[in-house]
């Protein structure tokens, strides 16, 4: 299981589609200050309220 952040609305929409359809995606996200690539199926999306710029925390089931 991986967690990362995104502030890109297009990436958010891809994550929502992955979660709804339970389909695998590959996407870049931020962990602390580092950008990494993640591969799997999105399990949950939470808005990080109060963050500037606006961002979302993504929880993804990793595919190995």
PDB file of N, CA and C in Angstrom:
ATOM      1  N   UNK A   1       0.860  -1.167   0.000  1.00  0.00           N
ATOM      2  CA  UNK A   1       0.000   0.000   0.000  1.00  0.00           C
ATOM      3  C   UNK A   1       0.902   1.224   0.000  1.00  0.00           C
ATOM      4  N   UNK A   2       0.596   2.178  -0.857  1.00  0.00           N
ATOM      5  CA  UNK A   2       1.360   3.425  -0.946  1.00  0.00           C
ATOM      6  C   UNK A   2       0.426   4.604  -0.720  1.00  0.00           C
ATOM      7  N   UNK A   3       0.985   5.684  -0.181  1.00  0.00           N
ATOM      8  CA  UNK A   3       0.262   6.943  -0.056  1.00  0.00           C
ATOM      9  C   UNK A   3       1.124   8.053  -0.635  1.00  0.00           C
ATOM     10  N   UNK A   4       0.472   8.942  -1.381  1.00  0.00           N
ATOM     11  CA  UNK A   4       1.168  10.069  -1.984  1.00  0.00           C
ATOM     12  C   UNK A   4       0.177  11.201  -2.182  1.00  0.00           C
ATOM     13  N   UNK A   5       0.684  12.362  -2.569  1.00  0.00           N
ATOM     14  CA  UNK A   5      -0.155  13.535  -2.791  1.00  0.00           C
ATOM     15  C   UNK A   5      -0.106  13.956  -4.251  1.00  0.00           C
ATOM     16  N   UNK A   6      -1.224  14.530  -4.709  1.00  0.00           N
ATOM     17  CA  UNK A   6      -1.273  15.169  -6.020  1.00  0.00           C
ATOM     18  C   UNK A   6      -2.048  16.473  -5.881  1.00  0.00           C
ATOM     19  N   UNK A   7      -1.639  17.468  -6.661  1.00  0.00           N
ATOM     20  CA  UNK A   7      -2.382  18.730  -6.695  1.00  0.00           C
ATOM     21  C   UNK A   7      -2.909  18.993  -8.104  1.00  0.00           C
ATOM     22  N   UNK A   8      -2.691  18.045  -9.000  1.00  0.00           N
ATOM     23  CA  UNK A   8      -3.131  18.161 -10.393  1.00  0.00           C
ATOM     24  C   UNK A   8      -4.546  17.585 -10.536  1.00  0.00           C
ATOM     25  N   UNK A   9      -5.483  18.413 -10.963  1.00  0.00           N
ATOM     26  CA  UNK A   9      -6.881  17.986 -11.089  1.00  0.00           C
ATOM     27  C   UNK A   9      -7.027  16.849 -12.106  1.00  0.00           C
ATOM     28  N   UNK A  10      -6.244  16.885 -13.187  1.00  0.00           N
ATOM     29  CA  UNK A  10      -6.307  15.792 -14.179  1.00  0.00           C
ATOM     30  C   UNK A  10      -5.872  14.469 -13.562  1.00  0.00           C
ATOM     31  N   UNK A  11      -4.824  14.504 -12.730  1.00  0.00           N
ATOM     32  CA  UNK A  11      -4.395  13.282 -12.039  1.00  0.00           C
ATOM     33  C   UNK A  11      -5.452  12.824 -11.039  1.00  0.00           C
ATOM     34  N   UNK A  12      -6.094  13.767 -10.378  1.00  0.00           N
ATOM     35  CA  UNK A  12      -7.179  13.434  -9.455  1.00  0.00           C
ATOM     36  C   UNK A  12      -8.287  12.688 -10.192  1.00  0.00           C
ATOM     37  N   UNK A  13      -8.663  13.168 -11.370  1.00  0.00           N
ATOM     38  CA  UNK A  13      -9.715  12.508 -12.160  1.00  0.00           C
ATOM     39  C   UNK A  13      -9.290  11.101 -12.574  1.00  0.00           C
ATOM     40  N   UNK A  14      -8.032  10.912 -12.942  1.00  0.00           N
ATOM     41  CA  UNK A  14      -7.521   9.571 -13.273  1.00  0.00           C
ATOM     42  C   UNK A  14      -7.610   8.652 -12.056  1.00  0.00           C
ATOM     43  N   UNK A  15      -7.266   9.192 -10.881  1.00  0.00           N
ATOM     44  CA  UNK A  15      -7.328   8.395  -9.647  1.00  0.00           C
ATOM     45  C   UNK A  15      -8.771   8.019  -9.311  1.00  0.00           C
ATOM     46  N   UNK A  16      -9.698   8.959  -9.490  1.00  0.00           N
ATOM     47  CA  UNK A  16     -11.107   8.661  -9.233  1.00  0.00           C
ATOM     48  C   UNK A  16     -11.601   7.558 -10.157  1.00  0.00           C
ATOM     49  N   UNK A  17     -11.194   7.604 -11.422  1.00  0.00           N
ATOM     50  CA  UNK A  17     -11.591   6.582 -12.388  1.00  0.00           C
ATOM     51  C   UNK A  17     -10.996   5.227 -12.000  1.00  0.00           C
ATOM     52  N   UNK A  18      -9.745   5.208 -11.589  1.00  0.00           N
ATOM     53  CA  UNK A  18      -9.101   3.965 -11.158  1.00  0.00           C
ATOM     54  C   UNK A  18      -9.842   3.354  -9.973  1.00  0.00           C
ATOM     55  N   UNK A  19     -10.231   4.195  -9.015  1.00  0.00           N
ATOM     56  CA  UNK A  19     -10.931   3.712  -7.828  1.00  0.00           C
ATOM     57  C   UNK A  19     -12.311   3.169  -8.193  1.00  0.00           C
ATOM     58  N   UNK A  20     -13.036   3.885  -9.032  1.00  0.00           N
ATOM     59  CA  UNK A  20     -14.386   3.480  -9.417  1.00  0.00           C
ATOM     60  C   UNK A  20     -14.394   2.196 -10.234  1.00  0.00           C
ATOM     61  N   UNK A  21     -13.471   2.120 -11.200  1.00  0.00           N
ATOM     62  CA  UNK A  21     -13.441   0.974 -12.112  1.00  0.00           C
ATOM     63  C   UNK A  21     -12.509  -0.140 -11.645  1.00  0.00           C
ATOM     64  N   UNK A  22     -11.783   0.111 -10.537  1.00  0.00           N
ATOM     65  CA  UNK A  22     -10.792  -0.835 -10.013  1.00  0.00           C
ATOM     66  C   UNK A  22      -9.793  -1.243 -11.097  1.00  0.00           C
ATOM     67  N   UNK A  23      -9.289  -0.223 -11.811  1.00  0.00           N
ATOM     68  CA  UNK A  23      -8.322  -0.439 -12.887  1.00  0.00           C
ATOM     69  C   UNK A  23      -6.969   0.135 -12.501  1.00  0.00           C
ATOM     70  N   UNK A  24      -5.946  -0.552 -12.923  1.00  0.00           N
ATOM     71  CA  UNK A  24      -4.570  -0.188 -12.647  1.00  0.00           C
ATOM     72  C   UNK A  24      -4.156   1.061 -13.432  1.00  0.00           C
ATOM     73  N   UNK A  25      -3.419   1.963 -12.762  1.00  0.00           N
ATOM     74  CA  UNK A  25      -2.832   3.121 -13.421  1.00  0.00           C
ATOM     75  C   UNK A  25      -1.393   3.287 -12.958  1.00  0.00           C
ATOM     76  N   UNK A  26      -0.622   4.008 -13.745  1.00  0.00           N
ATOM     77  CA  UNK A  26       0.716   4.439 -13.358  1.00  0.00           C
ATOM     78  C   UNK A  26       0.663   5.955 -13.299  1.00  0.00           C
ATOM     79  N   UNK A  27       1.129   6.518 -12.176  1.00  0.00           N
ATOM     80  CA  UNK A  27       0.975   7.951 -11.954  1.00  0.00           C
ATOM     81  C   UNK A  27       2.120   8.476 -11.099  1.00  0.00           C
ATOM     82  N   UNK A  28       2.471   9.740 -11.290  1.00  0.00           N
ATOM     83  CA  UNK A  28       3.493  10.385 -10.466  1.00  0.00           C
ATOM     84  C   UNK A  28       2.809  11.096  -9.305  1.00  0.00           C
ATOM     85  N   UNK A  29       3.423  11.004  -8.136  1.00  0.00           N
ATOM     86  CA  UNK A  29       2.893  11.664  -6.963  1.00  0.00           C
ATOM     87  C   UNK A  29       4.022  12.127  -6.061  1.00  0.00           C
ATOM     88  N   UNK A  30       3.694  12.944  -5.076  1.00  0.00           N
ATOM     89  CA  UNK A  30       4.688  13.518  -4.175  1.00  0.00           C
ATOM     90  C   UNK A  30       4.623  12.860  -2.808  1.00  0.00           C
ATOM     91  N   UNK A  31       5.794  12.470  -2.307  1.00  0.00           N
ATOM     92  CA  UNK A  31       5.955  11.967  -0.946  1.00  0.00           C
ATOM     93  C   UNK A  31       6.979  12.883  -0.298  1.00  0.00           C
ATOM     94  N   UNK A  32       6.545  13.599   0.745  1.00  0.00           N
ATOM     95  CA  UNK A  32       7.358  14.645   1.357  1.00  0.00           C
ATOM     96  C   UNK A  32       7.746  15.641   0.270  1.00  0.00           C
ATOM     97  N   UNK A  33       8.991  15.748  -0.132  1.00  0.00           N
ATOM     98  CA  UNK A  33       9.372  16.707  -1.169  1.00  0.00           C
ATOM     99  C   UNK A  33       9.836  16.019  -2.444  1.00  0.00           C
ATOM    100  N   UNK A  34       9.714  14.706  -2.483  1.00  0.00           N
ATOM    101  CA  UNK A  34      10.208  13.929  -3.615  1.00  0.00           C
ATOM    102  C   UNK A  34       9.059  13.432  -4.488  1.00  0.00           C
ATOM    103  N   UNK A  35       9.221  13.525  -5.817  1.00  0.00           N
ATOM    104  CA  UNK A  35       8.234  13.003  -6.751  1.00  0.00           C
ATOM    105  C   UNK A  35       8.637  11.599  -7.153  1.00  0.00           C
ATOM    106  N   UNK A  36       7.667  10.663  -7.052  1.00  0.00           N
ATOM    107  CA  UNK A  36       7.913   9.260  -7.380  1.00  0.00           C
ATOM    108  C   UNK A  36       6.810   8.770  -8.313  1.00  0.00           C
ATOM    109  N   UNK A  37       7.041   7.621  -8.954  1.00  0.00           N
ATOM    110  CA  UNK A  37       6.039   6.995  -9.807  1.00  0.00           C
ATOM    111  C   UNK A  37       5.398   5.840  -9.049  1.00  0.00           C
ATOM    112  N   UNK A  38       4.068   5.743  -9.147  1.00  0.00           N
ATOM    113  CA  UNK A  38       3.315   4.698  -8.469  1.00  0.00           C
ATOM    114  C   UNK A  38       2.523   3.906  -9.497  1.00  0.00           C
ATOM    115  N   UNK A  39       2.359   2.608  -9.234  1.00  0.00           N
ATOM    116  CA  UNK A  39       1.673   1.702 -10.155  1.00  0.00           C
ATOM    117  C   UNK A  39       0.730   0.835  -9.339  1.00  0.00           C
ATOM    118  N   UNK A  40      -0.574   0.948  -9.610  1.00  0.00           N
ATOM    119  CA  UNK A  40      -1.531   0.139  -8.872  1.00  0.00           C
ATOM    120  C   UNK A  40      -2.959   0.610  -9.075  1.00  0.00           C
ATOM    121  N   UNK A  41      -3.810   0.217  -8.133  1.00  0.00           N
ATOM    122  CA  UNK A  41      -5.235   0.550  -8.159  1.00  0.00           C
ATOM    123  C   UNK A  41      -5.539   1.448  -6.965  1.00  0.00           C
ATOM    124  N   UNK A  42      -6.142   2.587  -7.224  1.00  0.00           N
ATOM    125  CA  UNK A  42      -6.461   3.544  -6.160  1.00  0.00           C
ATOM    126  C   UNK A  42      -7.544   2.966  -5.252  1.00  0.00           C
ATOM    127  N   UNK A  43      -7.304   3.069  -3.939  1.00  0.00           N
ATOM    128  CA  UNK A  43      -8.238   2.564  -2.938  1.00  0.00           C
ATOM    129  C   UNK A  43      -9.009   3.673  -2.233  1.00  0.00           C
ATOM    130  N   UNK A  44      -8.364   4.862  -2.083  1.00  0.00           N
ATOM    131  CA  UNK A  44      -9.025   5.961  -1.367  1.00  0.00           C
ATOM    132  C   UNK A  44      -8.413   7.293  -1.788  1.00  0.00           C
ATOM    133  N   UNK A  45      -9.248   8.334  -1.707  1.00  0.00           N
ATOM    134  CA  UNK A  45      -8.821   9.698  -2.019  1.00  0.00           C
ATOM    135  C   UNK A  45      -9.359  10.598  -0.913  1.00  0.00           C
ATOM    136  N   UNK A  46      -8.474  11.406  -0.330  1.00  0.00           N
ATOM    137  CA  UNK A  46      -8.862  12.339   0.718  1.00  0.00           C
ATOM    138  C   UNK A  46      -8.334  13.719   0.386  1.00  0.00           C
ATOM    139  N   UNK A  47      -9.179  14.723   0.514  1.00  0.00           N
ATOM    140  CA  UNK A  47      -8.713  16.097   0.296  1.00  0.00           C
ATOM    141  C   UNK A  47      -7.902  16.527   1.509  1.00  0.00           C
ATOM    142  N   UNK A  48      -6.739  17.117   1.277  1.00  0.00           N
ATOM    143  CA  UNK A  48      -5.893  17.643   2.341  1.00  0.00           C
ATOM    144  C   UNK A  48      -6.361  19.069   2.616  1.00  0.00           C
ATOM    145  N   UNK A  49      -7.391  19.189   3.427  1.00  0.00           N
ATOM    146  CA  UNK A  49      -8.024  20.490   3.685  1.00  0.00           C
ATOM    147  C   UNK A  49      -7.029  21.467   4.308  1.00  0.00           C
ATOM    148  N   UNK A  50      -7.095  22.683   3.840  1.00  0.00           N
ATOM    149  CA  UNK A  50      -6.244  23.737   4.374  1.00  0.00           C
ATOM    150  C   UNK A  50      -4.897  23.849   3.698  1.00  0.00           C
ATOM    151  N   UNK A  51      -4.564  22.931   2.814  1.00  0.00           N
ATOM    152  CA  UNK A  51      -3.264  23.017   2.142  1.00  0.00           C
ATOM    153  C   UNK A  51      -3.332  24.036   1.008  1.00  0.00           C
ATOM    154  N   UNK A  52      -2.246  24.717   0.806  1.00  0.00           N
ATOM    155  CA  UNK A  52      -2.109  25.671  -0.289  1.00  0.00           C
ATOM    156  C   UNK A  52      -0.861  25.292  -1.046  1.00  0.00           C
ATOM    157  N   UNK A  53      -0.887  24.961  -2.320  1.00  0.00           N
ATOM    158  CA  UNK A  53      -2.096  24.836  -3.132  1.00  0.00           C
ATOM    159  C   UNK A  53      -2.921  23.616  -2.719  1.00  0.00           C
ATOM    160  N   UNK A  54      -4.122  23.574  -3.217  1.00  0.00           N
ATOM    161  CA  UNK A  54      -5.033  22.473  -2.939  1.00  0.00           C
ATOM    162  C   UNK A  54      -4.405  21.152  -3.382  1.00  0.00           C
ATOM    163  N   UNK A  55      -4.546  20.098  -2.543  1.00  0.00           N
ATOM    164  CA  UNK A  55      -3.996  18.793  -2.911  1.00  0.00           C
ATOM    165  C   UNK A  55      -4.827  17.678  -2.299  1.00  0.00           C
ATOM    166  N   UNK A  56      -4.599  16.456  -2.812  1.00  0.00           N
ATOM    167  CA  UNK A  56      -5.328  15.277  -2.366  1.00  0.00           C
ATOM    168  C   UNK A  56      -4.347  14.174  -2.000  1.00  0.00           C
ATOM    169  N   UNK A  57      -4.675  13.419  -0.947  1.00  0.00           N
ATOM    170  CA  UNK A  57      -3.866  12.267  -0.541  1.00  0.00           C
ATOM    171  C   UNK A  57      -4.481  11.038  -1.181  1.00  0.00           C
ATOM    172  N   UNK A  58      -3.667  10.285  -1.897  1.00  0.00           N
ATOM    173  CA  UNK A  58      -4.097   9.103  -2.622  1.00  0.00           C
ATOM    174  C   UNK A  58      -3.546   7.864  -1.932  1.00  0.00           C
ATOM    175  N   UNK A  59      -4.405   6.893  -1.681  1.00  0.00           N
ATOM    176  CA  UNK A  59      -3.970   5.600  -1.161  1.00  0.00           C
ATOM    177  C   UNK A  59      -4.133   4.590  -2.287  1.00  0.00           C
ATOM    178  N   UNK A  60      -3.044   3.875  -2.602  1.00  0.00           N
ATOM    179  CA  UNK A  60      -3.034   2.978  -3.752  1.00  0.00           C
ATOM    180  C   UNK A  60      -2.548   1.583  -3.344  1.00  0.00           C
ATOM    181  N   UNK A  61      -3.258   0.568  -3.816  1.00  0.00           N
ATOM    182  CA  UNK A  61      -2.818  -0.810  -3.653  1.00  0.00           C
ATOM    183  C   UNK A  61      -1.788  -1.083  -4.740  1.00  0.00           C
ATOM    184  N   UNK A  62      -0.553  -1.334  -4.323  1.00  0.00           N
ATOM    185  CA  UNK A  62       0.540  -1.532  -5.273  1.00  0.00           C
ATOM    186  C   UNK A  62       0.385  -2.842  -6.037  1.00  0.00           C
ATOM    187  N   UNK A  63       0.767  -2.808  -7.301  1.00  0.00           N
ATOM    188  CA  UNK A  63       0.805  -4.001  -8.151  1.00  0.00           C
ATOM    189  C   UNK A  63       2.260  -4.423  -8.261  1.00  0.00           C
ATOM    190  N   UNK A  64       2.516  -5.670  -7.967  1.00  0.00           N
ATOM    191  CA  UNK A  64       3.907  -6.171  -8.058  1.00  0.00           C
ATOM    192  C   UNK A  64       4.027  -7.210  -9.123  1.00  0.00           C
TER     193      UNK A  64
END
